[in-house]
Amino acid sequence: MTGRRTRLFGRAPAGGQTDRPAAGTAPVRSAAAERAEVSVPPPAAALVIDALGRKCPIPIIMLAEQIRDVPLGAVIAVLADDPAAYTDIPSWCTMKAHEFVAHQELPQGGWALFIRRRL
């Protein structure tokens, strides 16, 4: 039984076979896990947009209106606590050809989302 079937059906493989690495070998780590552990300080923001407490699409509308006020290459920080903004702002950046730089969790809840203006 493959590892996928084991996870789906919850049965141990027949004959004592497992998907675990052999003794003495290091576990395989994904690239996403490696990136998640690296803590990079966020870039300095030329503009901070406080959208805390506002529901989507308001944070994106605020970003779209104010991104023209910063020079090309500048970073904007959007403070948001709506879970939709956490996923929608990176997608908006891709659609509008801007660079989503990073995100950082805020101590009071929510995130600081960093966007670099490209166009």
PDB file of N, CA and C in Angstrom:
ATOM      1  N   MET A   1       0.850  -1.176   0.000  1.00  0.00           N
ATOM      2  CA  MET A   1       0.000   0.000   0.000  1.00  0.00           C
ATOM      3  C   MET A   1       0.891   1.232   0.000  1.00  0.00           C
ATOM      4  N   THR A   2       0.565   2.181  -0.832  1.00  0.00           N
ATOM      5  CA  THR A   2       1.380   3.388  -0.918  1.00  0.00           C
ATOM      6  C   THR A   2       1.120   4.287   0.277  1.00  0.00           C
ATOM      7  N   GLY A   3       2.006   5.272   0.457  1.00  0.00           N
ATOM      8  CA  GLY A   3       1.856   6.218   1.560  1.00  0.00           C
ATOM      9  C   GLY A   3       0.564   7.004   1.457  1.00  0.00           C
ATOM     10  N   ARG A   4       0.149   7.299   0.229  1.00  0.00           N
ATOM     11  CA  ARG A   4      -1.098   8.046   0.037  1.00  0.00           C
ATOM     12  C   ARG A   4      -2.288   7.221   0.504  1.00  0.00           C
ATOM     13  N   ARG A   5      -2.307   5.954   0.141  1.00  0.00           N
ATOM     14  CA  ARG A   5      -3.412   5.095   0.567  1.00  0.00           C
ATOM     15  C   ARG A   5      -3.416   4.917   2.080  1.00  0.00           C
ATOM     16  N   THR A   6      -2.236   4.834   2.666  1.00  0.00           N
ATOM     17  CA  THR A   6      -2.153   4.717   4.113  1.00  0.00           C
ATOM     18  C   THR A   6      -2.780   5.937   4.771  1.00  0.00           C
ATOM     19  N   ARG A   7      -2.479   7.115   4.259  1.00  0.00           N
ATOM     20  CA  ARG A   7      -3.056   8.332   4.824  1.00  0.00           C
ATOM     21  C   ARG A   7      -4.564   8.381   4.606  1.00  0.00           C
ATOM     22  N   LEU A   8      -5.026   7.924   3.430  1.00  0.00           N
ATOM     23  CA  LEU A   8      -6.452   7.984   3.126  1.00  0.00           C
ATOM     24  C   LEU A   8      -7.261   6.968   3.915  1.00  0.00           C
ATOM     25  N   PHE A   9      -6.741   5.747   4.013  1.00  0.00           N
ATOM     26  CA  PHE A   9      -7.514   4.678   4.621  1.00  0.00           C
ATOM     27  C   PHE A   9      -7.075   4.332   6.034  1.00  0.00           C
ATOM     28  N   GLY A  10      -5.956   4.869   6.489  1.00  0.00           N
ATOM     29  CA  GLY A  10      -5.517   4.670   7.860  1.00  0.00           C
ATOM     30  C   GLY A  10      -5.028   3.274   8.174  1.00  0.00           C
ATOM     31  N   ARG A  11      -4.616   2.518   7.178  1.00  0.00           N
ATOM     32  CA  ARG A  11      -4.125   1.165   7.417  1.00  0.00           C
ATOM     33  C   ARG A  11      -2.610   1.125   7.283  1.00  0.00           C
ATOM     34  N   ALA A  12      -2.001   0.289   8.074  1.00  0.00           N
ATOM     35  CA  ALA A  12      -0.560   0.075   7.966  1.00  0.00           C
ATOM     36  C   ALA A  12      -0.285  -0.824   6.776  1.00  0.00           C
ATOM     37  N   PRO A  13       0.810  -0.616   6.081  1.00  0.00           N
ATOM     38  CA  PRO A  13       1.142  -1.457   4.936  1.00  0.00           C
ATOM     39  C   PRO A  13       1.378  -2.905   5.341  1.00  0.00           C
ATOM     40  N   ALA A  14       1.039  -3.809   4.448  1.00  0.00           N
ATOM     41  CA  ALA A  14       1.246  -5.237   4.707  1.00  0.00           C
ATOM     42  C   ALA A  14       2.727  -5.552   4.686  1.00  0.00           C
ATOM     43  N   GLY A  15       3.136  -6.507   5.477  1.00  0.00           N
ATOM     44  CA  GLY A  15       4.524  -6.957   5.478  1.00  0.00           C
ATOM     45  C   GLY A  15       5.456  -6.025   6.228  1.00  0.00           C
ATOM     46  N   GLY A  16       4.930  -5.114   7.010  1.00  0.00           N
ATOM     47  CA  GLY A  16       5.772  -4.244   7.819  1.00  0.00           C
ATOM     48  C   GLY A  16       6.453  -3.135   7.048  1.00  0.00           C
ATOM     49  N   GLN A  17       6.068  -2.904   5.784  1.00  0.00           N
ATOM     50  CA  GLN A  17       6.678  -1.830   5.011  1.00  0.00           C
ATOM     51  C   GLN A  17       6.117  -0.489   5.468  1.00  0.00           C
ATOM     52  N   THR A  18       6.973   0.490   5.537  1.00  0.00           N
ATOM     53  CA  THR A  18       6.534   1.831   5.897  1.00  0.00           C
ATOM     54  C   THR A  18       7.135   2.832   4.937  1.00  0.00           C
ATOM     55  N   ASP A  19       6.607   4.021   4.940  1.00  0.00           N
ATOM     56  CA  ASP A  19       7.139   5.105   4.117  1.00  0.00           C
ATOM     57  C   ASP A  19       8.135   5.950   4.894  1.00  0.00           C
ATOM     58  N   ARG A  20       8.514   5.518   6.070  1.00  0.00           N
ATOM     59  CA  ARG A  20       9.457   6.278   6.882  1.00  0.00           C
ATOM     60  C   ARG A  20      10.872   6.074   6.357  1.00  0.00           C
ATOM     61  N   PRO A  21      11.730   7.083   6.542  1.00  0.00           N
ATOM     62  CA  PRO A  21      13.118   6.905   6.107  1.00  0.00           C
ATOM     63  C   PRO A  21      13.815   5.853   6.957  1.00  0.00           C
ATOM     64  N   ALA A  22      14.824   5.244   6.374  1.00  0.00           N
ATOM     65  CA  ALA A  22      15.579   4.217   7.091  1.00  0.00           C
ATOM     66  C   ALA A  22      16.290   4.834   8.288  1.00  0.00           C
ATOM     67  N   ALA A  23      16.580   3.992   9.274  1.00  0.00           N
ATOM     68  CA  ALA A  23      17.255   4.470  10.477  1.00  0.00           C
ATOM     69  C   ALA A  23      18.611   5.068  10.099  1.00  0.00           C
ATOM     70  N   GLY A  24      18.931   6.191  10.715  1.00  0.00           N
ATOM     71  CA  GLY A  24      20.209   6.827  10.467  1.00  0.00           C
ATOM     72  C   GLY A  24      20.204   7.816   9.312  1.00  0.00           C
ATOM     73  N   THR A  25      19.075   7.956   8.625  1.00  0.00           N
ATOM     74  CA  THR A  25      18.995   8.923   7.540  1.00  0.00           C
ATOM     75  C   THR A  25      18.188  10.128   7.991  1.00  0.00           C
ATOM     76  N   ALA A  26      18.508  11.258   7.429  1.00  0.00           N
ATOM     77  CA  ALA A  26      17.804  12.486   7.788  1.00  0.00           C
ATOM     78  C   ALA A  26      16.461  12.535   7.071  1.00  0.00           C
ATOM     79  N   PRO A  27      15.434  13.049   7.724  1.00  0.00           N
ATOM     80  CA  PRO A  27      14.143  13.154   7.046  1.00  0.00           C
ATOM     81  C   PRO A  27      14.216  14.173   5.908  1.00  0.00           C
ATOM     82  N   VAL A  28      13.447  13.914   4.870  1.00  0.00           N
ATOM     83  CA  VAL A  28      13.409  14.794   3.715  1.00  0.00           C
ATOM     84  C   VAL A  28      12.517  15.981   4.063  1.00  0.00           C
ATOM     85  N   ARG A  29      13.005  17.204   3.770  1.00  0.00           N
ATOM     86  CA  ARG A  29      12.253  18.409   4.070  1.00  0.00           C
ATOM     87  C   ARG A  29      11.905  19.106   2.777  1.00  0.00           C
ATOM     88  N   SER A  30      10.730  19.630   2.717  1.00  0.00           N
ATOM     89  CA  SER A  30      10.293  20.318   1.499  1.00  0.00           C
ATOM     90  C   SER A  30      10.891  21.723   1.453  1.00  0.00           C
ATOM     91  N   ALA A  31      10.905  22.288   0.256  1.00  0.00           N
ATOM     92  CA  ALA A  31      11.416  23.647   0.082  1.00  0.00           C
ATOM     93  C   ALA A  31      10.519  24.649   0.800  1.00  0.00           C
ATOM     94  N   ALA A  32       9.213  24.385   0.835  1.00  0.00           N
ATOM     95  CA  ALA A  32       8.290  25.295   1.529  1.00  0.00           C
ATOM     96  C   ALA A  32       8.593  25.325   3.021  1.00  0.00           C
ATOM     97  N   ALA A  33       8.927  24.173   3.589  1.00  0.00           N
ATOM     98  CA  ALA A  33       9.264  24.134   5.012  1.00  0.00           C
ATOM     99  C   ALA A  33      10.559  24.901   5.279  1.00  0.00           C
ATOM    100  N   GLU A  34      11.502  24.819   4.354  1.00  0.00           N
ATOM    101  CA  GLU A  34      12.751  25.555   4.512  1.00  0.00           C
ATOM    102  C   GLU A  34      12.503  27.057   4.469  1.00  0.00           C
ATOM    103  N   ARG A  35      11.657  27.516   3.534  1.00  0.00           N
ATOM    104  CA  ARG A  35      11.361  28.943   3.427  1.00  0.00           C
ATOM    105  C   ARG A  35      10.603  29.439   4.638  1.00  0.00           C
ATOM    106  N   ALA A  36       9.736  28.607   5.193  1.00  0.00           N
ATOM    107  CA  ALA A  36       8.912  29.043   6.317  1.00  0.00           C
ATOM    108  C   ALA A  36       9.757  29.322   7.553  1.00  0.00           C
ATOM    109  N   GLU A  37      10.878  28.642   7.702  1.00  0.00           N
ATOM    110  CA  GLU A  37      11.711  28.800   8.882  1.00  0.00           C
ATOM    111  C   GLU A  37      12.634  30.008   8.803  1.00  0.00           C
ATOM    112  N   VAL A  38      12.898  30.497   7.614  1.00  0.00           N
ATOM    113  CA  VAL A  38      13.802  31.618   7.448  1.00  0.00           C
ATOM    114  C   VAL A  38      13.067  32.898   7.825  1.00  0.00           C
ATOM    115  N   SER A  39      13.606  33.617   8.772  1.00  0.00           N
ATOM    116  CA  SER A  39      12.972  34.850   9.220  1.00  0.00           C
ATOM    117  C   SER A  39      13.744  36.034   8.652  1.00  0.00           C
ATOM    118  N   VAL A  40      13.124  36.695   7.690  1.00  0.00           N
ATOM    119  CA  VAL A  40      13.744  37.841   7.052  1.00  0.00           C
ATOM    120  C   VAL A  40      13.026  39.090   7.546  1.00  0.00           C
ATOM    121  N   PRO A  41      13.767  40.101   7.977  1.00  0.00           N
ATOM    122  CA  PRO A  41      13.080  41.315   8.425  1.00  0.00           C
ATOM    123  C   PRO A  41      12.340  41.963   7.262  1.00  0.00           C
ATOM    124  N   PRO A  42      11.147  42.484   7.525  1.00  0.00           N
ATOM    125  CA  PRO A  42      10.386  43.101   6.435  1.00  0.00           C
ATOM    126  C   PRO A  42      11.056  44.374   5.944  1.00  0.00           C
ATOM    127  N   PRO A  43      10.836  44.720   4.687  1.00  0.00           N
ATOM    128  CA  PRO A  43      11.447  45.936   4.152  1.00  0.00           C
ATOM    129  C   PRO A  43      10.814  47.183   4.766  1.00  0.00           C
ATOM    130  N   ALA A  44      11.540  48.283   4.709  1.00  0.00           N
ATOM    131  CA  ALA A  44      11.016  49.556   5.203  1.00  0.00           C
ATOM    132  C   ALA A  44       9.924  50.035   4.242  1.00  0.00           C
ATOM    133  N   ALA A  45       8.793  50.406   4.790  1.00  0.00           N
ATOM    134  CA  ALA A  45       7.657  50.808   3.967  1.00  0.00           C
ATOM    135  C   ALA A  45       7.635  52.320   3.779  1.00  0.00           C
ATOM    136  N   ALA A  46       7.426  52.744   2.530  1.00  0.00           N
ATOM    137  CA  ALA A  46       7.294  54.166   2.225  1.00  0.00           C
ATOM    138  C   ALA A  46       5.909  54.661   2.603  1.00  0.00           C
ATOM    139  N   LEU A  47       4.930  53.751   2.649  1.00  0.00           N
ATOM    140  CA  LEU A  47       3.554  54.096   2.969  1.00  0.00           C
ATOM    141  C   LEU A  47       2.940  52.945   3.751  1.00  0.00           C
ATOM    142  N   VAL A  48       2.205  53.258   4.805  1.00  0.00           N
ATOM    143  CA  VAL A  48       1.493  52.243   5.590  1.00  0.00           C
ATOM    144  C   VAL A  48       0.000  52.524   5.466  1.00  0.00           C
ATOM    145  N   ILE A  49      -0.735  51.519   5.013  1.00  0.00           N
ATOM    146  CA  ILE A  49      -2.187  51.618   4.882  1.00  0.00           C
ATOM    147  C   ILE A  49      -2.811  50.798   6.003  1.00  0.00           C
ATOM    148  N   ASP A  50      -3.528  51.448   6.900  1.00  0.00           N
ATOM    149  CA  ASP A  50      -4.155  50.776   8.031  1.00  0.00           C
ATOM    150  C   ASP A  50      -5.576  50.365   7.654  1.00  0.00           C
ATOM    151  N   ALA A  51      -5.753  49.087   7.324  1.00  0.00           N
ATOM    152  CA  ALA A  51      -7.059  48.550   6.974  1.00  0.00           C
ATOM    153  C   ALA A  51      -7.541  47.570   8.034  1.00  0.00           C
ATOM    154  N   LEU A  52      -7.022  47.681   9.253  1.00  0.00           N
ATOM    155  CA  LEU A  52      -7.442  46.794  10.331  1.00  0.00           C
ATOM    156  C   LEU A  52      -8.916  47.041  10.641  1.00  0.00           C
ATOM    157  N   GLY A  53      -9.665  45.968  10.787  1.00  0.00           N
ATOM    158  CA  GLY A  53     -11.085  46.074  11.086  1.00  0.00           C
ATOM    159  C   GLY A  53     -11.959  46.248   9.861  1.00  0.00           C
ATOM    160  N   ARG A  54     -11.376  46.336   8.690  1.00  0.00           N
ATOM    161  CA  ARG A  54     -12.155  46.518   7.461  1.00  0.00           C
ATOM    162  C   ARG A  54     -12.218  45.200   6.708  1.00  0.00           C
ATOM    163  N   LYS A  55     -13.363  44.905   6.169  1.00  0.00           N
ATOM    164  CA  LYS A  55     -13.578  43.654   5.445  1.00  0.00           C
ATOM    165  C   LYS A  55     -13.228  43.828   3.979  1.00  0.00           C
ATOM    166  N   CYS A  56     -12.843  42.725   3.362  1.00  0.00           N
ATOM    167  CA  CYS A  56     -12.505  42.712   1.955  1.00  0.00           C
ATOM    168  C   CYS A  56     -13.743  43.079   1.152  1.00  0.00           C
ATOM    169  N   PRO A  57     -13.654  43.876   0.159  1.00  0.00           N
ATOM    170  CA  PRO A  57     -12.512  44.293  -0.640  1.00  0.00           C
ATOM    171  C   PRO A  57     -11.929  45.649  -0.256  1.00  0.00           C
ATOM    172  N   ILE A  58     -12.319  46.217   0.877  1.00  0.00           N
ATOM    173  CA  ILE A  58     -11.864  47.552   1.255  1.00  0.00           C
ATOM    174  C   ILE A  58     -10.330  47.654   1.324  1.00  0.00           C
ATOM    175  N   PRO A  59      -9.593  46.682   1.930  1.00  0.00           N
ATOM    176  CA  PRO A  59      -8.124  46.810   1.937  1.00  0.00           C
ATOM    177  C   PRO A  59      -7.524  46.890   0.531  1.00  0.00           C
ATOM    178  N   ILE A  60      -8.075  46.129  -0.412  1.00  0.00           N
ATOM    179  CA  ILE A  60      -7.562  46.158  -1.784  1.00  0.00           C
ATOM    180  C   ILE A  60      -7.912  47.487  -2.452  1.00  0.00           C
ATOM    181  N   ILE A  61      -9.103  47.995  -2.191  1.00  0.00           N
ATOM    182  CA  ILE A  61      -9.496  49.282  -2.759  1.00  0.00           C
ATOM    183  C   ILE A  61      -8.586  50.384  -2.225  1.00  0.00           C
ATOM    184  N   MET A  62      -8.305  50.354  -0.924  1.00  0.00           N
ATOM    185  CA  MET A  62      -7.408  51.348  -0.332  1.00  0.00           C
ATOM    186  C   MET A  62      -6.015  51.255  -0.954  1.00  0.00           C
ATOM    187  N   LEU A  63      -5.524  50.033  -1.151  1.00  0.00           N
ATOM    188  CA  LEU A  63      -4.213  49.829  -1.775  1.00  0.00           C
ATOM    189  C   LEU A  63      -4.213  50.354  -3.204  1.00  0.00           C
ATOM    190  N   ALA A  64      -5.236  50.019  -3.978  1.00  0.00           N
ATOM    191  CA  ALA A  64      -5.305  50.446  -5.376  1.00  0.00           C
ATOM    192  C   ALA A  64      -5.346  51.968  -5.510  1.00  0.00           C
ATOM    193  N   GLU A  65      -6.030  52.635  -4.586  1.00  0.00           N
ATOM    194  CA  GLU A  65      -6.111  54.089  -4.638  1.00  0.00           C
ATOM    195  C   GLU A  65      -4.797  54.761  -4.249  1.00  0.00           C
ATOM    196  N   GLN A  66      -4.054  54.171  -3.324  1.00  0.00           N
ATOM    197  CA  GLN A  66      -2.878  54.848  -2.781  1.00  0.00           C
ATOM    198  C   GLN A  66      -1.548  54.375  -3.358  1.00  0.00           C
ATOM    199  N   ILE A  67      -1.542  53.310  -4.130  1.00  0.00           N
ATOM    200  CA  ILE A  67      -0.265  52.804  -4.658  1.00  0.00           C
ATOM    201  C   ILE A  67       0.338  53.792  -5.660  1.00  0.00           C
ATOM    202  N   ARG A  68      -0.481  54.604  -6.290  1.00  0.00           N
ATOM    203  CA  ARG A  68       0.026  55.593  -7.244  1.00  0.00           C
ATOM    204  C   ARG A  68       0.747  56.748  -6.545  1.00  0.00           C
ATOM    205  N   ASP A  69       0.583  56.865  -5.228  1.00  0.00           N
ATOM    206  CA  ASP A  69       1.195  57.962  -4.477  1.00  0.00           C
ATOM    207  C   ASP A  69       2.656  57.699  -4.093  1.00  0.00           C
ATOM    208  N   VAL A  70       3.147  56.492  -4.328  1.00  0.00           N
ATOM    209  CA  VAL A  70       4.537  56.168  -3.978  1.00  0.00           C
ATOM    210  C   VAL A  70       5.344  55.994  -5.257  1.00  0.00           C
ATOM    211  N   PRO A  71       6.634  56.255  -5.220  1.00  0.00           N
ATOM    212  CA  PRO A  71       7.463  56.091  -6.431  1.00  0.00           C
ATOM    213  C   PRO A  71       7.633  54.622  -6.806  1.00  0.00           C
ATOM    214  N   LEU A  72       8.015  54.380  -8.050  1.00  0.00           N
ATOM    215  CA  LEU A  72       8.286  53.018  -8.515  1.00  0.00           C
ATOM    216  C   LEU A  72       9.379  52.393  -7.664  1.00  0.00           C
ATOM    217  N   GLY A  73       9.204  51.147  -7.302  1.00  0.00           N
ATOM    218  CA  GLY A  73      10.183  50.434  -6.486  1.00  0.00           C
ATOM    219  C   GLY A  73       9.982  50.602  -4.989  1.00  0.00           C
ATOM    220  N   ALA A  74       9.095  51.495  -4.583  1.00  0.00           N
ATOM    221  CA  ALA A  74       8.838  51.709  -3.155  1.00  0.00           C
ATOM    222  C   ALA A  74       7.959  50.585  -2.615  1.00  0.00           C
ATOM    223  N   VAL A  75       8.040  50.378  -1.305  1.00  0.00           N
ATOM    224  CA  VAL A  75       7.281  49.322  -0.638  1.00  0.00           C
ATOM    225  C   VAL A  75       6.137  49.947   0.145  1.00  0.00           C
ATOM    226  N   ILE A  76       4.985  49.298   0.061  1.00  0.00           N
ATOM    227  CA  ILE A  76       3.795  49.708   0.791  1.00  0.00           C
ATOM    228  C   ILE A  76       3.445  48.589   1.758  1.00  0.00           C
ATOM    229  N   ALA A  77       3.098  48.943   2.984  1.00  0.00           N
ATOM    230  CA  ALA A  77       2.640  47.964   3.963  1.00  0.00           C
ATOM    231  C   ALA A  77       1.143  48.147   4.150  1.00  0.00           C
ATOM    232  N   VAL A  78       0.400  47.056   3.997  1.00  0.00           N
ATOM    233  CA  VAL A  78      -1.040  47.071   4.245  1.00  0.00           C
ATOM    234  C   VAL A  78      -1.281  46.278   5.517  1.00  0.00           C
ATOM    235  N   LEU A  79      -1.846  46.915   6.529  1.00  0.00           N
ATOM    236  CA  LEU A  79      -2.196  46.241   7.771  1.00  0.00           C
ATOM    237  C   LEU A  79      -3.640  45.781   7.646  1.00  0.00           C
ATOM    238  N   ALA A  80      -3.867  44.482   7.744  1.00  0.00           N
ATOM    239  CA  ALA A  80      -5.212  43.938   7.572  1.00  0.00           C
ATOM    240  C   ALA A  80      -5.403  42.744   8.497  1.00  0.00           C
ATOM    241  N   ASP A  81      -6.640  42.557   8.951  1.00  0.00           N
ATOM    242  CA  ASP A  81      -6.943  41.402   9.781  1.00  0.00           C
ATOM    243  C   ASP A  81      -8.050  40.536   9.181  1.00  0.00           C
ATOM    244  N   ASP A  82      -8.517  40.865   8.000  1.00  0.00           N
ATOM    245  CA  ASP A  82      -9.517  40.057   7.313  1.00  0.00           C
ATOM    246  C   ASP A  82      -8.800  38.910   6.594  1.00  0.00           C
ATOM    247  N   PRO A  83      -9.186  37.654   6.861  1.00  0.00           N
ATOM    248  CA  PRO A  83      -8.510  36.520   6.211  1.00  0.00           C
ATOM    249  C   PRO A  83      -8.562  36.586   4.687  1.00  0.00           C
ATOM    250  N   ALA A  84      -9.599  37.172   4.122  1.00  0.00           N
ATOM    251  CA  ALA A  84      -9.687  37.286   2.666  1.00  0.00           C
ATOM    252  C   ALA A  84      -8.586  38.190   2.132  1.00  0.00           C
ATOM    253  N   ALA A  85      -8.249  39.241   2.854  1.00  0.00           N
ATOM    254  CA  ALA A  85      -7.186  40.151   2.404  1.00  0.00           C
ATOM    255  C   ALA A  85      -5.842  39.432   2.372  1.00  0.00           C
ATOM    256  N   TYR A  86      -5.631  38.508   3.299  1.00  0.00           N
ATOM    257  CA  TYR A  86      -4.373  37.759   3.371  1.00  0.00           C
ATOM    258  C   TYR A  86      -4.120  36.975   2.079  1.00  0.00           C
ATOM    259  N   THR A  87      -5.170  36.485   1.458  1.00  0.00           N
ATOM    260  CA  THR A  87      -5.006  35.744   0.199  1.00  0.00           C
ATOM    261  C   THR A  87      -5.254  36.611  -1.027  1.00  0.00           C
ATOM    262  N   ASP A  88      -6.148  37.597  -0.905  1.00  0.00           N
ATOM    263  CA  ASP A  88      -6.510  38.401  -2.074  1.00  0.00           C
ATOM    264  C   ASP A  88      -5.441  39.419  -2.462  1.00  0.00           C
ATOM    265  N   ILE A  89      -4.739  39.987  -1.512  1.00  0.00           N
ATOM    266  CA  ILE A  89      -3.730  40.999  -1.848  1.00  0.00           C
ATOM    267  C   ILE A  89      -2.583  40.406  -2.662  1.00  0.00           C
ATOM    268  N   PRO A  90      -2.025  39.231  -2.305  1.00  0.00           N
ATOM    269  CA  PRO A  90      -1.001  38.650  -3.194  1.00  0.00           C
ATOM    270  C   PRO A  90      -1.537  38.353  -4.599  1.00  0.00           C
ATOM    271  N   SER A  91      -2.786  37.914  -4.702  1.00  0.00           N
ATOM    272  CA  SER A  91      -3.381  37.663  -6.025  1.00  0.00           C
ATOM    273  C   SER A  91      -3.547  38.961  -6.805  1.00  0.00           C
ATOM    274  N   TRP A  92      -3.974  40.020  -6.114  1.00  0.00           N
ATOM    275  CA  TRP A  92      -4.114  41.320  -6.762  1.00  0.00           C
ATOM    276  C   TRP A  92      -2.761  41.802  -7.288  1.00  0.00           C
ATOM    277  N   CYS A  93      -1.709  41.596  -6.502  1.00  0.00           N
ATOM    278  CA  CYS A  93      -0.363  41.998  -6.938  1.00  0.00           C
ATOM    279  C   CYS A  93       0.031  41.279  -8.221  1.00  0.00           C
ATOM    280  N   THR A  94      -0.270  40.007  -8.316  1.00  0.00           N
ATOM    281  CA  THR A  94       0.040  39.248  -9.528  1.00  0.00           C
ATOM    282  C   THR A  94      -0.750  39.789 -10.720  1.00  0.00           C
ATOM    283  N   MET A  95      -2.027  40.077 -10.523  1.00  0.00           N
ATOM    284  CA  MET A  95      -2.865  40.592 -11.613  1.00  0.00           C
ATOM    285  C   MET A  95      -2.410  41.963 -12.078  1.00  0.00           C
ATOM    286  N   LYS A  96      -1.921  42.798 -11.178  1.00  0.00           N
ATOM    287  CA  LYS A  96      -1.548  44.168 -11.508  1.00  0.00           C
ATOM    288  C   LYS A  96      -0.044  44.336 -11.732  1.00  0.00           C
ATOM    289  N   ALA A  97       0.708  43.248 -11.746  1.00  0.00           N
ATOM    290  CA  ALA A  97       2.153  43.247 -12.024  1.00  0.00           C
ATOM    291  C   ALA A  97       2.968  43.981 -10.957  1.00  0.00           C
ATOM    292  N   HIS A  98       2.508  43.945  -9.721  1.00  0.00           N
ATOM    293  CA  HIS A  98       3.296  44.444  -8.604  1.00  0.00           C
ATOM    294  C   HIS A  98       3.918  43.238  -7.904  1.00  0.00           C
ATOM    295  N   GLU A  99       4.870  43.476  -7.035  1.00  0.00           N
ATOM    296  CA  GLU A  99       5.565  42.377  -6.359  1.00  0.00           C
ATOM    297  C   GLU A  99       5.083  42.263  -4.915  1.00  0.00           C
ATOM    298  N   PHE A 100       4.560  41.088  -4.553  1.00  0.00           N
ATOM    299  CA  PHE A 100       4.222  40.824  -3.161  1.00  0.00           C
ATOM    300  C   PHE A 100       5.520  40.390  -2.493  1.00  0.00           C
ATOM    301  N   VAL A 101       6.022  41.214  -1.566  1.00  0.00           N
ATOM    302  CA  VAL A 101       7.353  41.008  -0.998  1.00  0.00           C
ATOM    303  C   VAL A 101       7.334  40.034   0.174  1.00  0.00           C
ATOM    304  N   ALA A 102       6.467  40.293   1.149  1.00  0.00           N
ATOM    305  CA  ALA A 102       6.460  39.469   2.362  1.00  0.00           C
ATOM    306  C   ALA A 102       5.204  39.748   3.166  1.00  0.00           C
ATOM    307  N   HIS A 103       5.026  38.954   4.193  1.00  0.00           N
ATOM    308  CA  HIS A 103       3.978  39.214   5.172  1.00  0.00           C
ATOM    309  C   HIS A 103       4.557  38.977   6.561  1.00  0.00           C
ATOM    310  N   GLN A 104       3.960  39.627   7.526  1.00  0.00           N
ATOM    311  CA  GLN A 104       4.418  39.491   8.908  1.00  0.00           C
ATOM    312  C   GLN A 104       3.181  39.522   9.804  1.00  0.00           C
ATOM    313  N   GLU A 105       3.119  38.599  10.758  1.00  0.00           N
ATOM    314  CA  GLU A 105       1.990  38.591  11.683  1.00  0.00           C
ATOM    315  C   GLU A 105       2.125  39.744  12.665  1.00  0.00           C
ATOM    316  N   LEU A 106       0.989  40.361  12.958  1.00  0.00           N
ATOM    317  CA  LEU A 106       0.966  41.469  13.906  1.00  0.00           C
ATOM    318  C   LEU A 106       0.633  40.943  15.293  1.00  0.00           C
ATOM    319  N   PRO A 107       1.201  41.532  16.350  1.00  0.00           N
ATOM    320  CA  PRO A 107       0.941  41.039  17.704  1.00  0.00           C
ATOM    321  C   PRO A 107      -0.525  41.156  18.113  1.00  0.00           C
ATOM    322  N   GLN A 108      -1.251  42.154  17.636  1.00  0.00           N
ATOM    323  CA  GLN A 108      -2.650  42.331  18.003  1.00  0.00           C
ATOM    324  C   GLN A 108      -3.586  41.518  17.111  1.00  0.00           C
ATOM    325  N   GLY A 109      -3.043  40.763  16.183  1.00  0.00           N
ATOM    326  CA  GLY A 109      -3.837  39.970  15.249  1.00  0.00           C
ATOM    327  C   GLY A 109      -3.811  40.610  13.876  1.00  0.00           C
ATOM    328  N   GLY A 110      -3.863  39.798  12.864  1.00  0.00           N
ATOM    329  CA  GLY A 110      -3.794  40.291  11.498  1.00  0.00           C
ATOM    330  C   GLY A 110      -2.382  40.219  10.957  1.00  0.00           C
ATOM    331  N   TRP A 111      -2.171  40.889   9.850  1.00  0.00           N
ATOM    332  CA  TRP A 111      -0.892  40.814   9.154  1.00  0.00           C
ATOM    333  C   TRP A 111      -0.488  42.163   8.613  1.00  0.00           C
ATOM    334  N   ALA A 112       0.792  42.319   8.425  1.00  0.00           N
ATOM    335  CA  ALA A 112       1.342  43.414   7.636  1.00  0.00           C
ATOM    336  C   ALA A 112       1.767  42.771   6.314  1.00  0.00           C
ATOM    337  N   LEU A 113       1.165  43.200   5.228  1.00  0.00           N
ATOM    338  CA  LEU A 113       1.439  42.661   3.903  1.00  0.00           C
ATOM    339  C   LEU A 113       2.256  43.699   3.137  1.00  0.00           C
ATOM    340  N   PHE A 114       3.410  43.297   2.629  1.00  0.00           N
ATOM    341  CA  PHE A 114       4.340  44.222   1.985  1.00  0.00           C
ATOM    342  C   PHE A 114       4.306  44.041   0.473  1.00  0.00           C
ATOM    343  N   ILE A 115       4.061  45.150  -0.224  1.00  0.00           N
ATOM    344  CA  ILE A 115       3.938  45.154  -1.684  1.00  0.00           C
ATOM    345  C   ILE A 115       4.925  46.161  -2.262  1.00  0.00           C
ATOM    346  N   ARG A 116       5.650  45.767  -3.318  1.00  0.00           N
ATOM    347  CA  ARG A 116       6.561  46.692  -4.000  1.00  0.00           C
ATOM    348  C   ARG A 116       5.892  47.136  -5.309  1.00  0.00           C
ATOM    349  N   ARG A 117       5.822  48.450  -5.493  1.00  0.00           N
ATOM    350  CA  ARG A 117       5.208  48.994  -6.705  1.00  0.00           C
ATOM    351  C   ARG A 117       6.133  48.763  -7.895  1.00  0.00           C
ATOM    352  N   ARG A 118       5.598  48.178  -8.940  1.00  0.00           N
ATOM    353  CA  ARG A 118       6.384  47.899 -10.147  1.00  0.00           C
ATOM    354  C   ARG A 118       5.948  48.753 -11.319  1.00  0.00           C
ATOM    355  N   LEU A 119       4.696  49.106 -11.455  1.00  0.00           N
ATOM    356  CA  LEU A 119       4.217  49.884 -12.604  1.00  0.00           C
ATOM    357  C   LEU A 119       3.578  51.168 -12.145  1.00  0.00           C
TER     358      LEU A 119
END
